[in-house]
Amino acid sequence: MAYDETLAKRIDKLTTGIKGFTRKEMFGGVAYLYNGNMCVGVHNNELIIRYDPKITTEITSHKNVKAFDITGKPMKGWSLVNPDGIKGNALNKWFEFSFAFAKSLPSKK
């Protein structure tokens, strides 16, 4: 299934000029990696966010957020934000949230 290219272009704009970001097509969507660690991505029409697994329950309690589960086993520290949850500046909020976590990880390069 194709992913939401408009959403991907919005993320492209957020990552432009930030050293260390790469874009990679994977899992039927597109991932944005910071220093080799996945930060955010697009799966179908939803935003994939990444964060400290310790706060999974807190994050998935948000109205427009659900567990990232494409294999039958939800991944802690990863969630999907539906289109209503990324309208307007909300995308920037989720991007900055995930970027802060990705910056805390050791580089894979």
Protein backbone atom coordinates (compact mmCIF):
# COMPACT_ATOMS: atom_id res chain seq x y z
CA MET A 1 0.00 0.00 0.00
CA ALA A 2 1.23 3.47 -0.81
CA TYR A 3 2.02 5.92 1.95
CA ASP A 4 0.78 9.49 2.28
CA GLU A 5 3.27 11.43 0.17
CA THR A 6 1.84 14.77 1.30
CA LEU A 7 2.65 13.87 4.90
CA ALA A 8 6.12 12.75 3.84
CA LYS A 9 6.69 16.11 2.13
CA ARG A 10 5.65 17.90 5.33
CA ILE A 11 8.25 15.88 7.23
CA ASP A 12 10.84 16.55 4.51
CA LYS A 13 10.40 20.27 5.23
CA LEU A 14 10.90 19.68 8.97
CA THR A 15 14.13 17.74 8.43
CA THR A 16 15.62 20.03 5.78
CA GLY A 17 18.84 21.57 7.00
CA ILE A 18 19.19 19.31 10.04
CA LYS A 19 22.47 17.44 9.70
CA GLY A 20 22.18 13.71 10.37
CA PHE A 21 18.72 13.06 8.88
CA THR A 22 18.21 10.50 6.15
CA ARG A 23 15.04 9.31 4.47
CA LYS A 24 14.59 5.61 3.78
CA GLU A 25 11.67 3.74 2.27
CA MET A 26 10.79 0.72 4.40
CA PHE A 27 7.84 -1.31 5.78
CA GLY A 28 5.66 -0.07 2.92
CA GLY A 29 6.21 3.51 4.02
CA VAL A 30 9.03 5.91 4.64
CA ALA A 31 11.26 6.35 7.68
CA TYR A 32 13.29 9.35 8.78
CA LEU A 33 16.45 8.39 10.60
CA TYR A 34 18.57 10.67 12.71
CA ASN A 35 22.19 9.51 12.97
CA GLY A 36 21.01 6.05 11.93
CA ASN A 37 18.18 5.78 14.48
CA MET A 38 14.58 5.96 13.36
CA CYS A 39 12.93 9.16 14.53
CA VAL A 40 9.59 9.37 12.70
CA GLY A 41 7.98 7.81 9.67
CA VAL A 42 4.89 7.47 7.57
CA HIS A 43 2.85 4.27 7.46
CA ASN A 44 -0.18 4.48 5.18
CA ASN A 45 -1.65 7.87 6.19
CA GLU A 46 -0.37 7.90 9.78
CA LEU A 47 2.70 9.33 11.44
CA ILE A 48 5.01 6.91 13.21
CA ILE A 49 6.51 8.42 16.34
CA ARG A 50 9.29 7.09 18.54
CA TYR A 51 9.87 7.75 22.23
CA ASP A 52 11.12 6.27 25.48
CA PRO A 53 9.33 2.91 25.90
CA LYS A 54 8.73 3.73 29.58
CA ILE A 55 5.99 6.20 28.56
CA THR A 56 4.15 3.97 26.06
CA THR A 57 0.95 3.85 28.13
CA GLU A 58 0.94 7.62 28.59
CA ILE A 59 1.45 8.30 24.87
CA THR A 60 -1.10 5.75 23.63
CA SER A 61 -3.70 7.32 25.91
CA HIS A 62 -3.77 10.39 23.64
CA LYS A 63 -6.95 10.69 21.59
CA ASN A 64 -5.38 10.27 18.12
CA VAL A 65 -2.58 7.86 19.02
CA LYS A 66 -2.48 4.07 18.95
CA ALA A 67 0.17 1.41 19.35
CA PHE A 68 2.41 0.74 16.36
CA ASP A 69 1.42 -2.80 15.50
CA ILE A 70 1.92 -4.02 11.94
CA THR A 71 3.08 -7.52 12.90
CA GLY A 72 0.55 -8.55 15.54
CA LYS A 73 2.86 -7.54 18.37
CA PRO A 74 2.70 -3.88 19.47
CA MET A 75 6.09 -2.19 19.76
CA LYS A 76 6.77 -0.31 23.00
CA GLY A 77 8.20 3.11 22.32
CA TRP A 78 6.55 3.36 18.91
CA SER A 79 3.07 4.63 18.06
CA LEU A 80 0.94 5.79 15.15
CA VAL A 81 -0.72 9.19 15.13
CA ASN A 82 -3.79 9.34 12.89
CA PRO A 83 -4.41 12.18 10.41
CA ASP A 84 -6.57 14.14 12.89
CA GLY A 85 -3.64 14.16 15.31
CA ILE A 86 -1.18 15.73 12.85
CA LYS A 87 -3.23 18.56 11.41
CA GLY A 88 -1.55 21.96 11.24
CA ASN A 89 1.16 22.55 13.82
CA ALA A 90 0.38 19.27 15.62
CA LEU A 91 2.80 17.53 13.24
CA ASN A 92 5.58 19.82 14.46
CA LYS A 93 4.80 18.91 18.09
CA TRP A 94 5.03 15.18 17.44
CA PHE A 95 8.13 15.62 15.28
CA GLU A 96 9.94 17.60 17.99
CA PHE A 97 8.85 15.06 20.60
CA SER A 98 10.32 12.15 18.60
CA PHE A 99 13.37 14.12 17.53
CA ALA A 100 14.23 14.83 21.17
CA PHE A 101 14.23 11.09 21.85
CA ALA A 102 16.23 10.24 18.70
CA LYS A 103 18.87 12.82 19.71
CA SER A 104 19.28 11.00 23.04
CA LEU A 105 20.27 7.74 21.32
CA PRO A 106 23.84 6.82 20.42
CA SER A 107 24.68 7.32 16.77
CA LYS A 108 24.61 4.21 14.57
CA LYS A 109 26.95 5.76 12.02
